[in-house]
C-alpha atoms as a PDB file:
ATOM      1  CA  UNK A   1     -20.866 -26.932   6.904  1.00  0.00           C
ATOM      2  CA  UNK A   2     -22.423 -27.001  10.386  1.00  0.00           C
ATOM      3  CA  UNK A   3     -23.973 -23.870  11.862  1.00  0.00           C
ATOM      4  CA  UNK A   4     -21.526 -21.803  13.937  1.00  0.00           C
ATOM      5  CA  UNK A   5     -21.658 -21.607  17.733  1.00  0.00           C
ATOM      6  CA  UNK A   6     -20.250 -18.413  19.247  1.00  0.00           C
ATOM      7  CA  UNK A   7     -18.815 -18.269  22.780  1.00  0.00           C
ATOM      8  CA  UNK A   8     -20.313 -15.034  24.079  1.00  0.00           C
ATOM      9  CA  UNK A   9     -17.859 -14.878  26.992  1.00  0.00           C
ATOM     10  CA  UNK A  10     -15.236 -13.950  24.370  1.00  0.00           C
ATOM     11  CA  UNK A  11     -15.780 -10.337  23.278  1.00  0.00           C
ATOM     12  CA  UNK A  12     -14.631 -10.916  19.695  1.00  0.00           C
ATOM     13  CA  UNK A  13     -16.901 -13.953  19.293  1.00  0.00           C
ATOM     14  CA  UNK A  14     -19.767 -12.062  20.907  1.00  0.00           C
ATOM     15  CA  UNK A  15     -19.498  -9.191  18.419  1.00  0.00           C
ATOM     16  CA  UNK A  16     -19.274 -11.554  15.460  1.00  0.00           C
ATOM     17  CA  UNK A  17     -22.069 -13.760  16.782  1.00  0.00           C
ATOM     18  CA  UNK A  18     -24.430 -10.859  17.370  1.00  0.00           C
ATOM     19  CA  UNK A  19     -23.789  -9.510  13.876  1.00  0.00           C
ATOM     20  CA  UNK A  20     -24.458 -12.897  12.294  1.00  0.00           C
ATOM     21  CA  UNK A  21     -27.534 -13.399  14.494  1.00  0.00           C
ATOM     22  CA  UNK A  22     -29.029 -10.074  13.357  1.00  0.00           C
ATOM     23  CA  UNK A  23     -28.360 -10.978   9.732  1.00  0.00           C
ATOM     24  CA  UNK A  24     -29.900 -14.428  10.164  1.00  0.00           C
ATOM     25  CA  UNK A  25     -33.087 -13.005  11.713  1.00  0.00           C
ATOM     26  CA  UNK A  26     -33.348 -10.446   8.894  1.00  0.00           C
ATOM     27  CA  UNK A  27     -33.112 -13.278   6.329  1.00  0.00           C
ATOM     28  CA  UNK A  28     -35.882 -15.247   8.042  1.00  0.00           C
ATOM     29  CA  UNK A  29     -33.547 -17.823   9.564  1.00  0.00           C
ATOM     30  CA  UNK A  30     -33.414 -19.161  13.126  1.00  0.00           C
ATOM     31  CA  UNK A  31     -31.072 -18.220  15.975  1.00  0.00           C
ATOM     32  CA  UNK A  32     -30.506 -19.935  19.321  1.00  0.00           C
ATOM     33  CA  UNK A  33     -29.952 -17.442  22.116  1.00  0.00           C
ATOM     34  CA  UNK A  34     -29.454 -17.577  25.893  1.00  0.00           C
ATOM     35  CA  UNK A  35     -32.164 -16.327  28.227  1.00  0.00           C
ATOM     36  CA  UNK A  36     -32.518 -16.212  32.004  1.00  0.00           C
ATOM     37  CA  UNK A  37     -34.681 -19.366  31.984  1.00  0.00           C
ATOM     38  CA  UNK A  38     -33.569 -21.820  29.278  1.00  0.00           C
ATOM     39  CA  UNK A  39     -32.037 -21.425  25.817  1.00  0.00           C
ATOM     40  CA  UNK A  40     -34.492 -20.276  23.174  1.00  0.00           C
ATOM     41  CA  UNK A  41     -34.777 -20.699  19.409  1.00  0.00           C
ATOM     42  CA  UNK A  42     -35.819 -17.409  17.840  1.00  0.00           C
ATOM     43  CA  UNK A  43     -37.401 -16.185  14.611  1.00  0.00           C
ATOM     44  CA  UNK A  44     -38.687 -12.863  13.302  1.00  0.00           C
ATOM     45  CA  UNK A  45     -42.174 -12.662  14.833  1.00  0.00           C
ATOM     46  CA  UNK A  46     -43.475 -10.780  11.775  1.00  0.00           C
ATOM     47  CA  UNK A  47     -42.280 -13.343   9.212  1.00  0.00           C
ATOM     48  CA  UNK A  48     -44.803 -16.142   8.808  1.00  0.00           C
ATOM     49  CA  UNK A  49     -42.218 -18.230   6.930  1.00  0.00           C
ATOM     50  CA  UNK A  50     -39.661 -17.795   9.733  1.00  0.00           C
ATOM     51  CA  UNK A  51     -42.203 -18.756  12.403  1.00  0.00           C
ATOM     52  CA  UNK A  52     -43.150 -21.852  10.391  1.00  0.00           C
ATOM     53  CA  UNK A  53     -39.445 -22.693  10.130  1.00  0.00           C
ATOM     54  CA  UNK A  54     -39.248 -22.477  13.946  1.00  0.00           C
ATOM     55  CA  UNK A  55     -42.237 -24.802  14.396  1.00  0.00           C
ATOM     56  CA  UNK A  56     -40.812 -27.260  11.868  1.00  0.00           C
ATOM     57  CA  UNK A  57     -37.388 -27.271  13.554  1.00  0.00           C
ATOM     58  CA  UNK A  58     -38.964 -28.197  16.886  1.00  0.00           C
ATOM     59  CA  UNK A  59     -41.440 -30.659  15.402  1.00  0.00           C
ATOM     60  CA  UNK A  60     -44.435 -28.621  16.558  1.00  0.00           C
ATOM     61  CA  UNK A  61     -47.738 -27.885  14.872  1.00  0.00           C
ATOM     62  CA  UNK A  62     -49.514 -24.556  14.461  1.00  0.00           C
ATOM     63  CA  UNK A  63     -51.683 -25.481  17.457  1.00  0.00           C
ATOM     64  CA  UNK A  64     -48.656 -24.672  19.669  1.00  0.00           C
ATOM     65  CA  UNK A  65     -47.774 -21.074  18.706  1.00  0.00           C
ATOM     66  CA  UNK A  66     -44.531 -19.676  20.143  1.00  0.00           C
ATOM     67  CA  UNK A  67     -44.410 -16.873  22.705  1.00  0.00           C
ATOM     68  CA  UNK A  68     -42.905 -13.516  21.753  1.00  0.00           C
ATOM     69  CA  UNK A  69     -39.933 -12.007  23.571  1.00  0.00           C
ATOM     70  CA  UNK A  70     -39.648  -8.207  23.783  1.00  0.00           C
ATOM     71  CA  UNK A  71     -37.019  -5.741  24.945  1.00  0.00           C
ATOM     72  CA  UNK A  72     -39.352  -3.690  27.126  1.00  0.00           C
ATOM     73  CA  UNK A  73     -42.842  -2.609  28.138  1.00  0.00           C
ATOM     74  CA  UNK A  74     -43.251  -0.282  25.144  1.00  0.00           C
ATOM     75  CA  UNK A  75     -43.008  -3.297  22.830  1.00  0.00           C
ATOM     76  CA  UNK A  76     -45.626  -5.097  24.940  1.00  0.00           C
ATOM     77  CA  UNK A  77     -48.022  -2.161  24.514  1.00  0.00           C
ATOM     78  CA  UNK A  78     -47.499  -2.274  20.731  1.00  0.00           C
ATOM     79  CA  UNK A  79     -48.313  -5.991  20.522  1.00  0.00           C
ATOM     80  CA  UNK A  80     -51.423  -6.289  22.711  1.00  0.00           C
ATOM     81  CA  UNK A  81     -54.882  -4.780  22.577  1.00  0.00           C
ATOM     82  CA  UNK A  82     -54.688  -3.412  26.116  1.00  0.00           C
ATOM     83  CA  UNK A  83     -52.458  -3.638  29.194  1.00  0.00           C
ATOM     84  CA  UNK A  84     -54.804  -3.900  32.200  1.00  0.00           C
ATOM     85  CA  UNK A  85     -53.791  -2.310  35.488  1.00  0.00           C
ATOM     86  CA  UNK A  86     -53.201  -5.715  37.104  1.00  0.00           C
ATOM     87  CA  UNK A  87     -50.825  -6.638  34.280  1.00  0.00           C
ATOM     88  CA  UNK A  88     -49.010  -3.332  34.762  1.00  0.00           C
ATOM     89  CA  UNK A  89     -48.381  -4.433  38.365  1.00  0.00           C
ATOM     90  CA  UNK A  90     -47.167  -7.862  37.260  1.00  0.00           C
ATOM     91  CA  UNK A  91     -44.782  -6.333  34.732  1.00  0.00           C
ATOM     92  CA  UNK A  92     -43.427  -3.897  37.311  1.00  0.00           C
ATOM     93  CA  UNK A  93     -42.761  -6.751  39.734  1.00  0.00           C
ATOM     94  CA  UNK A  94     -41.568  -9.583  37.493  1.00  0.00           C
ATOM     95  CA  UNK A  95     -40.092  -8.054  34.314  1.00  0.00           C
ATOM     96  CA  UNK A  96     -37.504  -8.573  33.141  1.00  0.00           C
ATOM     97  CA  UNK A  97     -37.859 -12.160  34.343  1.00  0.00           C
ATOM     98  CA  UNK A  98     -39.573 -15.505  34.124  1.00  0.00           C
ATOM     99  CA  UNK A  99     -43.212 -14.515  33.583  1.00  0.00           C
ATOM    100  CA  UNK A 100     -44.980 -14.941  30.228  1.00  0.00           C
ATOM    101  CA  UNK A 101     -48.303 -13.109  29.949  1.00  0.00           C
ATOM    102  CA  UNK A 102     -51.071 -14.044  27.484  1.00  0.00           C
ATOM    103  CA  UNK A 103     -53.264 -11.137  26.352  1.00  0.00           C
ATOM    104  CA  UNK A 104     -55.470 -10.338  23.335  1.00  0.00           C
ATOM    105  CA  UNK A 105     -53.212  -9.346  20.442  1.00  0.00           C
ATOM    106  CA  UNK A 106     -53.355  -5.936  18.795  1.00  0.00           C
ATOM    107  CA  UNK A 107     -55.903  -6.509  15.973  1.00  0.00           C
ATOM    108  CA  UNK A 108     -54.011  -4.304  13.515  1.00  0.00           C
ATOM    109  CA  UNK A 109     -50.880  -6.482  13.544  1.00  0.00           C
ATOM    110  CA  UNK A 110     -50.168  -8.445  10.377  1.00  0.00           C
ATOM    111  CA  UNK A 111     -48.439 -11.578  11.594  1.00  0.00           C
ATOM    112  CA  UNK A 112     -49.025 -15.312  11.836  1.00  0.00           C
ATOM    113  CA  UNK A 113     -47.723 -17.135  14.897  1.00  0.00           C
ATOM    114  CA  UNK A 114     -50.043 -20.118  14.439  1.00  0.00           C
ATOM    115  CA  UNK A 115     -53.423 -20.897  15.963  1.00  0.00           C
ATOM    116  CA  UNK A 116     -53.384 -18.166  18.619  1.00  0.00           C
ATOM    117  CA  UNK A 117     -57.157 -17.455  18.715  1.00  0.00           C
ATOM    118  CA  UNK A 118     -56.330 -13.756  18.649  1.00  0.00           C
ATOM    119  CA  UNK A 119     -53.948 -13.809  21.603  1.00  0.00           C
ATOM    120  CA  UNK A 120     -50.209 -13.437  22.087  1.00  0.00           C
ATOM    121  CA  UNK A 121     -47.927 -14.646  24.898  1.00  0.00           C
ATOM    122  CA  UNK A 122     -45.289 -12.016  25.743  1.00  0.00           C
ATOM    123  CA  UNK A 123     -42.201 -11.975  27.989  1.00  0.00           C
ATOM    124  CA  UNK A 124     -39.236  -9.695  28.641  1.00  0.00           C
ATOM    125  CA  UNK A 125     -36.224 -11.893  29.475  1.00  0.00           C
ATOM    126  CA  UNK A 126     -33.662 -10.983  32.126  1.00  0.00           C
ATOM    127  CA  UNK A 127     -30.536 -11.598  30.052  1.00  0.00           C
ATOM    128  CA  UNK A 128     -28.158  -9.017  28.610  1.00  0.00           C
ATOM    129  CA  UNK A 129     -27.499 -10.795  25.315  1.00  0.00           C
ATOM    130  CA  UNK A 130     -31.147 -11.584  24.660  1.00  0.00           C
ATOM    131  CA  UNK A 131     -32.184  -7.998  25.424  1.00  0.00           C
ATOM    132  CA  UNK A 132     -29.443  -6.564  23.223  1.00  0.00           C
ATOM    133  CA  UNK A 133     -30.514  -8.723  20.285  1.00  0.00           C
ATOM    134  CA  UNK A 134     -34.201  -7.877  20.843  1.00  0.00           C
ATOM    135  CA  UNK A 135     -33.435  -4.156  20.950  1.00  0.00           C
ATOM    136  CA  UNK A 136     -31.886  -4.488  17.487  1.00  0.00           C
ATOM    137  CA  UNK A 137     -34.289  -6.929  15.809  1.00  0.00           C
ATOM    138  CA  UNK A 138     -37.593  -6.044  17.459  1.00  0.00           C
ATOM    139  CA  UNK A 139     -39.930  -8.696  18.902  1.00  0.00           C
ATOM    140  CA  UNK A 140     -38.895 -12.304  18.278  1.00  0.00           C
ATOM    141  CA  UNK A 141     -40.976 -15.455  18.321  1.00  0.00           C
ATOM    142  CA  UNK A 142     -39.034 -17.630  20.762  1.00  0.00           C
ATOM    143  CA  UNK A 143     -39.618 -21.161  21.985  1.00  0.00           C
ATOM    144  CA  UNK A 144     -37.389 -23.354  24.128  1.00  0.00           C
ATOM    145  CA  UNK A 145     -34.405 -24.633  22.131  1.00  0.00           C
ATOM    146  CA  UNK A 146     -35.239 -28.323  21.960  1.00  0.00           C
ATOM    147  CA  UNK A 147     -37.131 -30.890  19.957  1.00  0.00           C
ATOM    148  CA  UNK A 148     -40.703 -31.273  21.149  1.00  0.00           C
ATOM    149  CA  UNK A 149     -40.820 -33.865  23.914  1.00  0.00           C
ATOM    150  CA  UNK A 150     -37.122 -33.461  24.806  1.00  0.00           C
ATOM    151  CA  UNK A 151     -35.784 -31.481  27.809  1.00  0.00           C
ATOM    152  CA  UNK A 152     -35.182 -27.772  27.186  1.00  0.00           C
ATOM    153  CA  UNK A 153     -31.541 -26.955  26.453  1.00  0.00           C
ATOM    154  CA  UNK A 154     -29.654 -25.237  29.274  1.00  0.00           C
ATOM    155  CA  UNK A 155     -26.330 -24.973  27.355  1.00  0.00           C
ATOM    156  CA  UNK A 156     -25.706 -24.070  23.746  1.00  0.00           C
ATOM    157  CA  UNK A 157     -24.202 -27.444  22.800  1.00  0.00           C
ATOM    158  CA  UNK A 158     -27.366 -29.266  23.896  1.00  0.00           C
ATOM    159  CA  UNK A 159     -29.447 -27.022  21.651  1.00  0.00           C
ATOM    160  CA  UNK A 160     -27.136 -27.633  18.679  1.00  0.00           C
ATOM    161  CA  UNK A 161     -27.190 -31.393  19.268  1.00  0.00           C
ATOM    162  CA  UNK A 162     -30.987 -31.350  18.940  1.00  0.00           C
ATOM    163  CA  UNK A 163     -31.610 -28.635  16.344  1.00  0.00           C
ATOM    164  CA  UNK A 164     -28.480 -28.902  14.187  1.00  0.00           C
ATOM    165  CA  UNK A 165     -28.444 -27.022  10.912  1.00  0.00           C
ATOM    166  CA  UNK A 166     -32.121 -26.025  11.146  1.00  0.00           C
ATOM    167  CA  UNK A 167     -30.687 -23.089  13.146  1.00  0.00           C
ATOM    168  CA  UNK A 168     -28.321 -20.648  11.406  1.00  0.00           C
ATOM    169  CA  UNK A 169     -26.488 -19.217  14.448  1.00  0.00           C
ATOM    170  CA  UNK A 170     -25.959 -20.391  18.041  1.00  0.00           C
ATOM    171  CA  UNK A 171     -25.109 -17.858  20.754  1.00  0.00           C
ATOM    172  CA  UNK A 172     -23.639 -19.641  23.799  1.00  0.00           C
ATOM    173  CA  UNK A 173     -23.373 -17.794  27.127  1.00  0.00           C
ATOM    174  CA  UNK A 174     -22.725 -20.800  29.354  1.00  0.00           C
ATOM    175  CA  UNK A 175     -25.266 -22.666  31.497  1.00  0.00           C
ATOM    176  CA  UNK A 176     -28.704 -21.080  31.913  1.00  0.00           C
ATOM    177  CA  UNK A 177     -29.052 -19.158  35.143  1.00  0.00           C
ATOM    178  CA  UNK A 178     -32.031 -21.152  36.418  1.00  0.00           C
ATOM    179  CA  UNK A 179     -32.852 -23.838  33.870  1.00  0.00           C
ATOM    180  CA  UNK A 180     -36.508 -23.362  34.860  1.00  0.00           C
ATOM    181  CA  UNK A 181     -38.952 -22.350  32.140  1.00  0.00           C
ATOM    182  CA  UNK A 182     -41.074 -19.242  32.586  1.00  0.00           C
ATOM    183  CA  UNK A 183     -44.445 -19.296  34.281  1.00  0.00           C
ATOM    184  CA  UNK A 184     -47.239 -18.688  31.752  1.00  0.00           C
ATOM    185  CA  UNK A 185     -50.423 -16.913  32.804  1.00  0.00           C
ATOM    186  CA  UNK A 186     -53.614 -16.150  30.877  1.00  0.00           C
ATOM    187  CA  UNK A 187     -54.783 -12.587  31.563  1.00  0.00           C
ATOM    188  CA  UNK A 188     -57.183 -12.336  28.609  1.00  0.00           C
ATOM    189  CA  UNK A 189     -60.291 -12.161  30.830  1.00  0.00           C
ATOM    190  CA  UNK A 190     -59.054  -8.811  32.196  1.00  0.00           C
ATOM    191  CA  UNK A 191     -59.641  -7.249  28.763  1.00  0.00           C
ATOM    192  CA  UNK A 192     -63.078  -6.583  27.310  1.00  0.00           C
ATOM    193  CA  UNK A 193     -66.554  -7.516  28.505  1.00  0.00           C
ATOM    194  CA  UNK A 194     -67.219 -10.906  30.066  1.00  0.00           C
ATOM    195  CA  UNK A 195     -70.478 -12.869  29.854  1.00  0.00           C
ATOM    196  CA  UNK A 196     -72.903 -12.240  32.720  1.00  0.00           C
ATOM    197  CA  UNK A 197     -71.856 -13.994  35.907  1.00  0.00           C
ATOM    198  CA  UNK A 198     -68.208 -14.453  34.911  1.00  0.00           C
ATOM    199  CA  UNK A 199     -65.522 -12.812  37.025  1.00  0.00           C
ATOM    200  CA  UNK A 200     -62.200 -11.649  35.557  1.00  0.00           C
ATOM    201  CA  UNK A 201     -59.500 -14.066  36.649  1.00  0.00           C
ATOM    202  CA  UNK A 202     -55.830 -14.628  35.854  1.00  0.00           C
ATOM    203  CA  UNK A 203     -55.182 -18.300  35.200  1.00  0.00           C
ATOM    204  CA  UNK A 204     -51.842 -20.128  35.479  1.00  0.00           C
ATOM    205  CA  UNK A 205     -51.281 -22.105  32.284  1.00  0.00           C
ATOM    206  CA  UNK A 206     -47.820 -23.430  33.211  1.00  0.00           C
ATOM    207  CA  UNK A 207     -45.987 -23.408  36.533  1.00  0.00           C
ATOM    208  CA  UNK A 208     -42.419 -22.194  36.266  1.00  0.00           C
ATOM    209  CA  UNK A 209     -39.942 -19.584  37.433  1.00  0.00           C
ATOM    210  CA  UNK A 210     -42.530 -17.362  39.192  1.00  0.00           C
ATOM    211  CA  UNK A 211     -44.482 -19.172  41.910  1.00  0.00           C
ATOM    212  CA  UNK A 212     -48.234 -19.087  42.561  1.00  0.00           C
ATOM    213  CA  UNK A 213     -47.546 -17.429  45.930  1.00  0.00           C
ATOM    214  CA  UNK A 214     -45.553 -14.651  44.247  1.00  0.00           C
ATOM    215  CA  UNK A 215     -48.349 -14.061  41.747  1.00  0.00           C
ATOM    216  CA  UNK A 216     -50.927 -14.029  44.544  1.00  0.00           C
ATOM    217  CA  UNK A 217     -48.974 -11.298  46.355  1.00  0.00           C
ATOM    218  CA  UNK A 218     -49.560  -9.022  43.348  1.00  0.00           C
ATOM    219  CA  UNK A 219     -52.951 -10.204  42.116  1.00  0.00           C
ATOM    220  CA  UNK A 220     -54.812 -11.184  45.277  1.00  0.00           C
ATOM    221  CA  UNK A 221     -58.322 -12.396  44.448  1.00  0.00           C
ATOM    222  CA  UNK A 222     -57.752 -11.858  40.717  1.00  0.00           C
ATOM    223  CA  UNK A 223     -55.651 -15.038  40.650  1.00  0.00           C
ATOM    224  CA  UNK A 224     -57.810 -18.058  39.874  1.00  0.00           C
ATOM    225  CA  UNK A 225     -57.680 -20.425  42.842  1.00  0.00           C
ATOM    226  CA  UNK A 226     -55.997 -23.797  42.607  1.00  0.00           C
ATOM    227  CA  UNK A 227     -58.320 -26.541  41.475  1.00  0.00           C
ATOM    228  CA  UNK A 228     -59.539 -28.714  44.333  1.00  0.00           C
ATOM    229  CA  UNK A 229     -57.412 -31.892  44.108  1.00  0.00           C
ATOM    230  CA  UNK A 230     -60.420 -33.954  45.255  1.00  0.00           C
ATOM    231  CA  UNK A 231     -62.438 -32.710  42.289  1.00  0.00           C
ATOM    232  CA  UNK A 232     -59.687 -33.686  39.858  1.00  0.00           C
ATOM    233  CA  UNK A 233     -58.994 -37.116  41.340  1.00  0.00           C
ATOM    234  CA  UNK A 234     -59.737 -40.016  38.969  1.00  0.00           C
ATOM    235  CA  UNK A 235     -62.814 -42.077  39.792  1.00  0.00           C
END
C-alpha cells in the first residue's frame, strides 16, 4: 500500500495527517512536510537510524548531513555551543524564514547527523504546519524532499513521485510559497578563538531566499566579501 498524502487545506485531513506524522517520527520513519521555501523530508534528529534512513531515501552520503529545523530560538540555544551577538541579530531579522545558520554544535548532544565536523545547520521555517509539527516532535533533521540531483519538490505530489514509500506520511499544503531554498551561512568563526591573524567572518555557503545585500545590512563588515571574479576565472 502506498504511503498516504494528506491535503492539509482540509481540516479533517490535516488533523489525521498531523497525528500520523507525529507517530511516524516517533517510530523513526520519514515525513514530508511543507515549509516556506521548498518541501522537506524530515526525520527525528536524535535517531541515528532515522537520519540514515533520510540520507538513504535521498541517495546522499554521510558527507552531506541534513540541516535541523526548530520551532524557535530556545531550541537553537539548546543545539549549539553558543549564539554570538551577530547571530542573535540575524535571527531577530530573518527568523522564522529562509536563513540556515551553521554553528558549532552543543558538545553534550548525543546524536549523529553524519560528517558534521562538530557543527550543526539550524533554521526556523516560516510555515504554520511545519512549526506545529516541530513544536510537538522537537528538532527534526530536514532536507529538501527530492532525490539528490533532482529539483526540490514544491508540491507534495512531486515529493511522493520521487521518494515513494521510503516516506511514511506526506503532508501537502499546496505549492511552496517561494520555491527558493534557504540561504546557508557559516557563522562558526564567531565562536571560540581564531588563529593569529584570522578575522571572524560569516561566509555564505549557498545563495537562496535571503540575499547577500540583506545579510550585509545586518552584519556589515562581518560578512565575508564576495570573491573577486577575476581571481576565480579559469586560466
